[in-house]
Amino acid sequence: MERRDTEFERDPASGQVHERERVVSEGPQAPSESEVVSTFNPGWRAVQLVYLVFGVIEGLMLIRLVLKLLGANPHAGFSNWVYNVTDVFLGPFKNILPTIGNEQSLLEMSVVLAILVYALLGWAIARLVTIIFYRNVTVARRSGGLRPRGF
């Protein structure tokens, strides 16, 4: 017969959450016990948040680029909303590069430049968060007694 116990502990010094899983096997042989310890890293969640924020910004910029290329009505609700939201992020890039096309279909090269710059900025911030907050993940397996080692 096998029994699994899982416990979560927060290390007061580092703030990391440790997950301890203990497997106890009992049967005709001598009882044996093993423990798996893994750590949760809050730095990984911060990196995911950075990628999510910049992914949404880049997605909206890409939608703006496609709407302008297809000649969407700027007075329609959705396209008006996309243009208004992305204008905030396009502010630093306005009029850097020319707009190509006619009155109906436009290719805003400033939007292409903004997408590239925001992708690079998102990657750089994610790497910085990784360098500052990332910790090594510790996974320990043990068989035998119940004495914790290294904690």
N, C-alpha and C. Protein backbone atom coordinates (compact mmCIF):
# COMPACT_ATOMS: atom_id res chain seq x y z
N MET A 1 0.84 -1.17 0.00
CA MET A 1 0.00 0.00 0.00
C MET A 1 0.89 1.24 0.00
N GLU A 2 0.46 2.26 -0.73
CA GLU A 2 1.25 3.47 -0.85
C GLU A 2 0.40 4.67 -0.46
N ARG A 3 1.00 5.61 0.25
CA ARG A 3 0.29 6.81 0.69
C ARG A 3 1.12 8.03 0.31
N ARG A 4 0.47 9.07 -0.24
CA ARG A 4 1.16 10.30 -0.62
C ARG A 4 0.67 11.45 0.24
N ASP A 5 1.60 12.20 0.80
CA ASP A 5 1.30 13.40 1.57
C ASP A 5 2.00 14.58 0.92
N THR A 6 1.29 15.69 0.72
CA THR A 6 1.86 16.90 0.14
C THR A 6 1.69 18.05 1.11
N GLU A 7 2.77 18.78 1.35
CA GLU A 7 2.75 19.94 2.24
C GLU A 7 3.39 21.12 1.51
N PHE A 8 2.88 22.33 1.78
CA PHE A 8 3.47 23.55 1.23
C PHE A 8 3.98 24.39 2.39
N GLU A 9 5.22 24.84 2.30
CA GLU A 9 5.83 25.67 3.34
C GLU A 9 6.44 26.91 2.69
N ARG A 10 6.39 28.04 3.38
CA ARG A 10 7.05 29.25 2.90
C ARG A 10 8.32 29.44 3.71
N ASP A 11 9.44 29.58 3.02
CA ASP A 11 10.72 29.82 3.67
C ASP A 11 10.75 31.28 4.12
N PRO A 12 10.85 31.55 5.44
CA PRO A 12 10.79 32.94 5.91
C PRO A 12 11.96 33.80 5.42
N ALA A 13 13.11 33.21 5.16
CA ALA A 13 14.27 33.99 4.75
C ALA A 13 14.17 34.46 3.30
N SER A 14 13.81 33.54 2.39
CA SER A 14 13.81 33.88 0.96
C SER A 14 12.41 34.17 0.43
N GLY A 15 11.37 33.75 1.13
CA GLY A 15 10.01 33.97 0.65
C GLY A 15 9.55 32.94 -0.36
N GLN A 16 10.38 31.95 -0.67
CA GLN A 16 10.01 30.93 -1.64
C GLN A 16 9.07 29.92 -1.01
N VAL A 17 8.22 29.36 -1.83
CA VAL A 17 7.29 28.33 -1.38
C VAL A 17 7.89 26.98 -1.73
N HIS A 18 8.00 26.10 -0.76
CA HIS A 18 8.54 24.76 -0.96
C HIS A 18 7.38 23.77 -0.92
N GLU A 19 7.40 22.87 -1.86
CA GLU A 19 6.40 21.81 -1.89
C GLU A 19 7.10 20.52 -1.48
N ARG A 20 6.56 19.86 -0.48
CA ARG A 20 7.12 18.59 -0.02
C ARG A 20 6.09 17.50 -0.27
N GLU A 21 6.52 16.50 -0.99
CA GLU A 21 5.66 15.36 -1.25
C GLU A 21 6.34 14.14 -0.64
N ARG A 22 5.60 13.45 0.19
CA ARG A 22 6.15 12.28 0.87
C ARG A 22 5.36 11.07 0.43
N VAL A 23 6.07 10.04 0.00
CA VAL A 23 5.45 8.79 -0.43
C VAL A 23 5.88 7.71 0.55
N VAL A 24 4.91 7.09 1.20
CA VAL A 24 5.19 6.03 2.17
C VAL A 24 4.64 4.73 1.60
N SER A 25 5.50 3.75 1.45
CA SER A 25 5.08 2.43 0.96
C SER A 25 5.13 1.45 2.11
N GLU A 26 4.05 0.74 2.29
CA GLU A 26 4.00 -0.29 3.33
C GLU A 26 3.53 -1.57 2.67
N GLY A 27 4.15 -2.64 3.00
CA GLY A 27 3.77 -3.92 2.40
C GLY A 27 4.49 -5.03 3.12
N PRO A 28 4.63 -6.17 2.45
CA PRO A 28 5.30 -7.31 3.08
C PRO A 28 6.78 -7.02 3.35
N GLN A 29 7.39 -6.12 2.56
CA GLN A 29 8.78 -5.78 2.82
C GLN A 29 8.82 -4.75 3.94
N ALA A 30 10.02 -4.37 4.29
CA ALA A 30 10.20 -3.32 5.30
C ALA A 30 9.64 -2.02 4.73
N PRO A 31 8.98 -1.22 5.57
CA PRO A 31 8.42 0.04 5.06
C PRO A 31 9.53 0.97 4.57
N SER A 32 9.28 1.60 3.44
CA SER A 32 10.24 2.57 2.90
C SER A 32 9.52 3.90 2.71
N GLU A 33 10.29 4.96 2.68
CA GLU A 33 9.71 6.29 2.55
C GLU A 33 10.60 7.12 1.65
N SER A 34 9.99 7.94 0.80
CA SER A 34 10.75 8.85 -0.04
C SER A 34 10.07 10.21 -0.01
N GLU A 35 10.83 11.25 -0.28
CA GLU A 35 10.31 12.61 -0.23
C GLU A 35 10.82 13.37 -1.45
N VAL A 36 9.92 14.14 -2.08
CA VAL A 36 10.29 14.97 -3.21
C VAL A 36 10.10 16.42 -2.78
N VAL A 37 11.12 17.23 -2.94
CA VAL A 37 11.04 18.64 -2.57
C VAL A 37 11.27 19.46 -3.83
N SER A 38 10.35 20.38 -4.11
CA SER A 38 10.53 21.29 -5.24
C SER A 38 10.20 22.69 -4.76
N THR A 39 10.71 23.68 -5.44
CA THR A 39 10.47 25.06 -5.02
C THR A 39 9.68 25.80 -6.09
N PHE A 40 8.88 26.74 -5.64
CA PHE A 40 8.12 27.61 -6.53
C PHE A 40 8.89 28.91 -6.65
N ASN A 41 8.99 29.43 -7.86
CA ASN A 41 9.79 30.62 -8.08
C ASN A 41 8.90 31.79 -8.47
N PRO A 42 8.78 32.84 -7.63
CA PRO A 42 7.95 33.98 -7.99
C PRO A 42 8.52 34.79 -9.14
N GLY A 43 9.82 34.66 -9.44
CA GLY A 43 10.41 35.35 -10.57
C GLY A 43 9.82 34.90 -11.90
N TRP A 44 9.44 33.62 -11.98
CA TRP A 44 8.87 33.11 -13.21
C TRP A 44 7.52 33.76 -13.50
N ARG A 45 6.72 33.99 -12.48
CA ARG A 45 5.43 34.66 -12.67
C ARG A 45 5.63 36.09 -13.14
N ALA A 46 6.65 36.77 -12.63
CA ALA A 46 6.93 38.15 -13.06
C ALA A 46 7.33 38.17 -14.53
N VAL A 47 8.13 37.22 -14.96
CA VAL A 47 8.52 37.14 -16.36
C VAL A 47 7.30 36.88 -17.24
N GLN A 48 6.42 35.99 -16.80
CA GLN A 48 5.19 35.73 -17.55
C GLN A 48 4.32 36.98 -17.64
N LEU A 49 4.26 37.75 -16.58
CA LEU A 49 3.47 38.99 -16.59
C LEU A 49 4.05 40.00 -17.57
N VAL A 50 5.37 40.13 -17.61
CA VAL A 50 6.01 41.05 -18.56
C VAL A 50 5.68 40.62 -19.99
N TYR A 51 5.82 39.33 -20.29
CA TYR A 51 5.51 38.85 -21.63
C TYR A 51 4.04 39.04 -21.97
N LEU A 52 3.15 38.87 -21.00
CA LEU A 52 1.73 39.07 -21.25
C LEU A 52 1.42 40.53 -21.59
N VAL A 53 1.96 41.46 -20.81
CA VAL A 53 1.69 42.89 -21.05
C VAL A 53 2.21 43.31 -22.42
N PHE A 54 3.45 42.96 -22.72
CA PHE A 54 4.01 43.37 -24.01
C PHE A 54 3.38 42.59 -25.16
N GLY A 55 2.93 41.37 -24.92
CA GLY A 55 2.22 40.62 -25.96
C GLY A 55 0.89 41.26 -26.32
N VAL A 56 0.17 41.76 -25.31
CA VAL A 56 -1.09 42.46 -25.57
C VAL A 56 -0.83 43.75 -26.35
N ILE A 57 0.18 44.50 -25.95
CA ILE A 57 0.52 45.75 -26.67
C ILE A 57 0.86 45.45 -28.13
N GLU A 58 1.71 44.45 -28.35
CA GLU A 58 2.10 44.12 -29.71
C GLU A 58 0.94 43.56 -30.51
N GLY A 59 0.06 42.81 -29.86
CA GLY A 59 -1.12 42.29 -30.56
C GLY A 59 -2.03 43.42 -31.02
N LEU A 60 -2.25 44.40 -30.16
CA LEU A 60 -3.07 45.55 -30.54
C LEU A 60 -2.43 46.34 -31.67
N MET A 61 -1.11 46.48 -31.63
CA MET A 61 -0.41 47.18 -32.72
C MET A 61 -0.55 46.42 -34.03
N LEU A 62 -0.47 45.10 -33.96
CA LEU A 62 -0.62 44.28 -35.16
C LEU A 62 -2.03 44.39 -35.72
N ILE A 63 -3.03 44.41 -34.84
CA ILE A 63 -4.42 44.59 -35.29
C ILE A 63 -4.57 45.95 -35.96
N ARG A 64 -3.96 46.98 -35.40
CA ARG A 64 -4.01 48.32 -36.01
C ARG A 64 -3.39 48.29 -37.40
N LEU A 65 -2.23 47.62 -37.52
CA LEU A 65 -1.55 47.53 -38.80
C LEU A 65 -2.44 46.86 -39.85
N VAL A 66 -3.09 45.77 -39.49
CA VAL A 66 -3.96 45.05 -40.42
C VAL A 66 -5.19 45.88 -40.76
N LEU A 67 -5.79 46.53 -39.77
CA LEU A 67 -6.96 47.36 -40.05
C LEU A 67 -6.63 48.50 -41.01
N LYS A 68 -5.49 49.13 -40.83
CA LYS A 68 -5.08 50.21 -41.74
C LYS A 68 -4.80 49.68 -43.14
N LEU A 69 -4.15 48.49 -43.20
CA LEU A 69 -3.85 47.90 -44.52
C LEU A 69 -5.13 47.54 -45.27
N LEU A 70 -6.12 47.05 -44.55
CA LEU A 70 -7.38 46.65 -45.19
C LEU A 70 -8.32 47.82 -45.41
N GLY A 71 -7.99 48.98 -44.91
CA GLY A 71 -8.82 50.16 -45.10
C GLY A 71 -10.09 50.14 -44.28
N ALA A 72 -9.99 49.71 -43.03
CA ALA A 72 -11.16 49.65 -42.14
C ALA A 72 -11.70 51.05 -41.87
N ASN A 73 -13.00 51.13 -41.65
CA ASN A 73 -13.65 52.40 -41.35
C ASN A 73 -13.18 52.89 -39.98
N PRO A 74 -12.54 54.07 -39.91
CA PRO A 74 -12.03 54.54 -38.62
C PRO A 74 -13.13 54.99 -37.67
N HIS A 75 -14.37 55.13 -38.17
CA HIS A 75 -15.48 55.54 -37.31
C HIS A 75 -16.26 54.37 -36.75
N ALA A 76 -15.93 53.15 -37.19
CA ALA A 76 -16.57 51.95 -36.63
C ALA A 76 -16.07 51.76 -35.20
N GLY A 77 -16.90 51.14 -34.38
CA GLY A 77 -16.60 51.03 -32.95
C GLY A 77 -15.28 50.36 -32.63
N PHE A 78 -15.07 49.15 -33.18
CA PHE A 78 -13.87 48.39 -32.85
C PHE A 78 -12.61 49.07 -33.37
N SER A 79 -12.64 49.47 -34.63
CA SER A 79 -11.44 50.09 -35.19
C SER A 79 -11.14 51.43 -34.50
N ASN A 80 -12.16 52.18 -34.15
CA ASN A 80 -11.96 53.43 -33.41
C ASN A 80 -11.31 53.16 -32.05
N TRP A 81 -11.78 52.13 -31.35
CA TRP A 81 -11.21 51.76 -30.05
C TRP A 81 -9.74 51.34 -30.20
N VAL A 82 -9.44 50.50 -31.20
CA VAL A 82 -8.06 50.05 -31.42
C VAL A 82 -7.16 51.24 -31.74
N TYR A 83 -7.63 52.15 -32.58
CA TYR A 83 -6.82 53.33 -32.94
C TYR A 83 -6.57 54.21 -31.71
N ASN A 84 -7.59 54.41 -30.89
CA ASN A 84 -7.42 55.26 -29.69
C ASN A 84 -6.47 54.64 -28.68
N VAL A 85 -6.57 53.32 -28.45
CA VAL A 85 -5.70 52.66 -27.48
C VAL A 85 -4.26 52.64 -27.97
N THR A 86 -4.06 52.34 -29.24
CA THR A 86 -2.69 52.22 -29.75
C THR A 86 -2.04 53.58 -29.98
N ASP A 87 -2.82 54.64 -30.08
CA ASP A 87 -2.22 55.97 -30.22
C ASP A 87 -1.34 56.32 -29.03
N VAL A 88 -1.71 55.82 -27.84
CA VAL A 88 -0.90 56.07 -26.64
C VAL A 88 0.49 55.46 -26.81
N PHE A 89 0.54 54.23 -27.34
CA PHE A 89 1.82 53.53 -27.48
C PHE A 89 2.59 53.98 -28.72
N LEU A 90 1.91 54.59 -29.67
CA LEU A 90 2.57 55.06 -30.89
C LEU A 90 3.12 56.47 -30.75
N GLY A 91 2.83 57.15 -29.66
CA GLY A 91 3.27 58.52 -29.47
C GLY A 91 4.74 58.76 -29.76
N PRO A 92 5.65 57.96 -29.18
CA PRO A 92 7.09 58.21 -29.43
C PRO A 92 7.52 57.92 -30.87
N PHE A 93 6.70 57.20 -31.64
CA PHE A 93 7.10 56.76 -32.97
C PHE A 93 6.40 57.52 -34.10
N LYS A 94 5.53 58.46 -33.76
CA LYS A 94 4.78 59.20 -34.79
C LYS A 94 5.73 59.96 -35.70
N ASN A 95 5.49 59.86 -36.99
CA ASN A 95 6.19 60.60 -38.03
C ASN A 95 7.69 60.30 -38.11
N ILE A 96 8.15 59.21 -37.56
CA ILE A 96 9.55 58.82 -37.73
C ILE A 96 9.76 58.30 -39.14
N LEU A 97 8.84 57.42 -39.57
CA LEU A 97 8.92 56.84 -40.91
C LEU A 97 7.69 57.24 -41.71
N PRO A 98 7.77 57.24 -43.02
CA PRO A 98 6.62 57.66 -43.83
C PRO A 98 5.53 56.59 -43.87
N THR A 99 4.33 57.02 -44.18
CA THR A 99 3.20 56.13 -44.39
C THR A 99 3.10 55.84 -45.87
N ILE A 100 2.98 54.58 -46.22
CA ILE A 100 2.95 54.15 -47.62
C ILE A 100 1.52 53.75 -47.98
N GLY A 101 1.03 54.19 -49.12
CA GLY A 101 -0.27 53.77 -49.60
C GLY A 101 -1.11 54.93 -50.06
N ASN A 102 -2.40 54.65 -50.32
CA ASN A 102 -3.33 55.68 -50.75
C ASN A 102 -4.30 56.00 -49.61
N GLU A 103 -5.37 56.72 -49.92
CA GLU A 103 -6.33 57.11 -48.86
C GLU A 103 -7.02 55.90 -48.25
N GLN A 104 -7.25 54.85 -49.04
CA GLN A 104 -8.00 53.69 -48.58
C GLN A 104 -7.13 52.74 -47.76
N SER A 105 -6.00 52.34 -48.28
CA SER A 105 -5.14 51.34 -47.66
C SER A 105 -3.79 51.95 -47.32
N LEU A 106 -3.43 51.90 -46.05
CA LEU A 106 -2.19 52.53 -45.59
C LEU A 106 -1.29 51.51 -44.89
N LEU A 107 0.00 51.64 -45.13
CA LEU A 107 0.98 50.87 -44.38
C LEU A 107 1.76 51.87 -43.54
N GLU A 108 1.47 51.89 -42.24
CA GLU A 108 2.16 52.81 -41.32
C GLU A 108 3.47 52.17 -40.89
N MET A 109 4.55 52.66 -41.42
CA MET A 109 5.85 52.11 -41.07
C MET A 109 6.21 52.41 -39.61
N SER A 110 5.62 53.45 -39.05
CA SER A 110 5.84 53.75 -37.63
C SER A 110 5.30 52.64 -36.74
N VAL A 111 4.20 52.02 -37.16
CA VAL A 111 3.63 50.91 -36.39
C VAL A 111 4.57 49.70 -36.44
N VAL A 112 5.14 49.44 -37.61
CA VAL A 112 6.09 48.33 -37.75
C VAL A 112 7.30 48.57 -36.85
N LEU A 113 7.80 49.77 -36.85
CA LEU A 113 8.93 50.11 -35.98
C LEU A 113 8.55 49.97 -34.50
N ALA A 114 7.35 50.43 -34.14
CA ALA A 114 6.90 50.33 -32.75
C ALA A 114 6.77 48.87 -32.31
N ILE A 115 6.26 48.01 -33.19
CA ILE A 115 6.14 46.58 -32.85
C ILE A 115 7.52 46.00 -32.57
N LEU A 116 8.49 46.32 -33.41
CA LEU A 116 9.85 45.81 -33.20
C LEU A 116 10.47 46.33 -31.91
N VAL A 117 10.30 47.62 -31.65
CA VAL A 117 10.89 48.22 -30.44
C VAL A 117 10.23 47.66 -29.18
N TYR A 118 8.88 47.53 -29.18
CA TYR A 118 8.21 46.98 -28.00
C TYR A 118 8.55 45.51 -27.78
N ALA A 119 8.77 44.75 -28.85
CA ALA A 119 9.19 43.35 -28.69
C ALA A 119 10.58 43.30 -28.04
N LEU A 120 11.48 44.15 -28.50
CA LEU A 120 12.82 44.19 -27.93
C LEU A 120 12.79 44.68 -26.48
N LEU A 121 11.98 45.69 -26.20
CA LEU A 121 11.85 46.21 -24.84
C LEU A 121 11.25 45.17 -23.89
N GLY A 122 10.23 44.44 -24.35
CA GLY A 122 9.64 43.38 -23.53
C GLY A 122 10.63 42.28 -23.21
N TRP A 123 11.40 41.89 -24.23
CA TRP A 123 12.41 40.86 -24.01
C TRP A 123 13.46 41.34 -23.02
N ALA A 124 13.92 42.59 -23.16
CA ALA A 124 14.96 43.12 -22.27
C ALA A 124 14.46 43.21 -20.83
N ILE A 125 13.22 43.64 -20.63
CA ILE A 125 12.67 43.73 -19.27
C ILE A 125 12.50 42.33 -18.68
N ALA A 126 12.05 41.38 -19.48
CA ALA A 126 11.92 39.99 -18.99
C ALA A 126 13.28 39.42 -18.60
N ARG A 127 14.30 39.69 -19.37
CA ARG A 127 15.65 39.21 -19.01
C ARG A 127 16.15 39.88 -17.74
N LEU A 128 15.88 41.18 -17.58
CA LEU A 128 16.28 41.89 -16.38
C LEU A 128 15.58 41.31 -15.14
N VAL A 129 14.29 41.03 -15.26
CA VAL A 129 13.55 40.42 -14.15
C VAL A 129 14.12 39.03 -13.85
N THR A 130 14.47 38.31 -14.89
CA THR A 130 15.06 36.99 -14.68
C THR A 130 16.39 37.09 -13.94
N ILE A 131 17.21 38.03 -14.32
CA ILE A 131 18.51 38.19 -13.67
C ILE A 131 18.35 38.60 -12.20
N ILE A 132 17.41 39.49 -11.93
CA ILE A 132 17.27 40.02 -10.58
C ILE A 132 16.56 39.03 -9.65
N PHE A 133 15.45 38.44 -10.10
CA PHE A 133 14.58 37.69 -9.19
C PHE A 133 14.65 36.18 -9.32
N TYR A 134 15.30 35.68 -10.33
CA TYR A 134 15.26 34.24 -10.54
C TYR A 134 16.13 33.50 -9.55
N ARG A 135 15.66 32.39 -9.04
CA ARG A 135 16.41 31.54 -8.12
C ARG A 135 16.52 30.15 -8.73
N ASN A 136 17.54 29.42 -8.34
CA ASN A 136 17.68 28.05 -8.80
C ASN A 136 16.57 27.19 -8.21
N VAL A 137 16.01 26.33 -9.01
CA VAL A 137 14.96 25.42 -8.56
C VAL A 137 15.63 24.21 -7.94
N THR A 138 15.21 23.87 -6.75
CA THR A 138 15.79 22.74 -6.03
C THR A 138 14.81 21.59 -6.01
N VAL A 139 15.24 20.47 -6.52
CA VAL A 139 14.43 19.26 -6.48
C VAL A 139 15.27 18.21 -5.77
N ALA A 140 14.76 17.67 -4.69
CA ALA A 140 15.50 16.68 -3.91
C ALA A 140 14.65 15.44 -3.75
N ARG A 141 15.25 14.29 -3.94
CA ARG A 141 14.57 13.01 -3.72
C ARG A 141 15.34 12.26 -2.64
N ARG A 142 14.59 11.65 -1.76
CA ARG A 142 15.25 10.96 -0.66
C ARG A 142 14.48 9.68 -0.35
N SER A 143 15.18 8.65 -0.05
CA SER A 143 14.58 7.40 0.39
C SER A 143 15.14 7.08 1.76
N GLY A 144 14.32 6.50 2.60
CA GLY A 144 14.80 6.11 3.91
C GLY A 144 14.08 6.86 5.00
N GLY A 145 14.85 7.40 5.96
CA GLY A 145 14.29 8.05 7.15
C GLY A 145 13.59 9.37 6.87
N LEU A 146 13.02 9.94 7.93
CA LEU A 146 12.27 11.17 7.82
C LEU A 146 13.07 12.42 8.10
N ARG A 147 14.36 12.30 8.36
CA ARG A 147 15.14 13.47 8.72
C ARG A 147 15.35 14.37 7.51
N PRO A 148 14.95 15.64 7.59
CA PRO A 148 15.20 16.56 6.47
C PRO A 148 16.66 16.94 6.40
N ARG A 149 17.17 17.06 5.20
CA ARG A 149 18.56 17.42 5.00
C ARG A 149 18.61 18.78 4.30
N GLY A 150 19.37 19.68 4.85
CA GLY A 150 19.60 20.97 4.20
C GLY A 150 18.50 21.98 4.40
N PHE A 151 17.52 21.72 5.22
CA PHE A 151 16.43 22.68 5.46
C PHE A 151 16.44 23.10 6.89
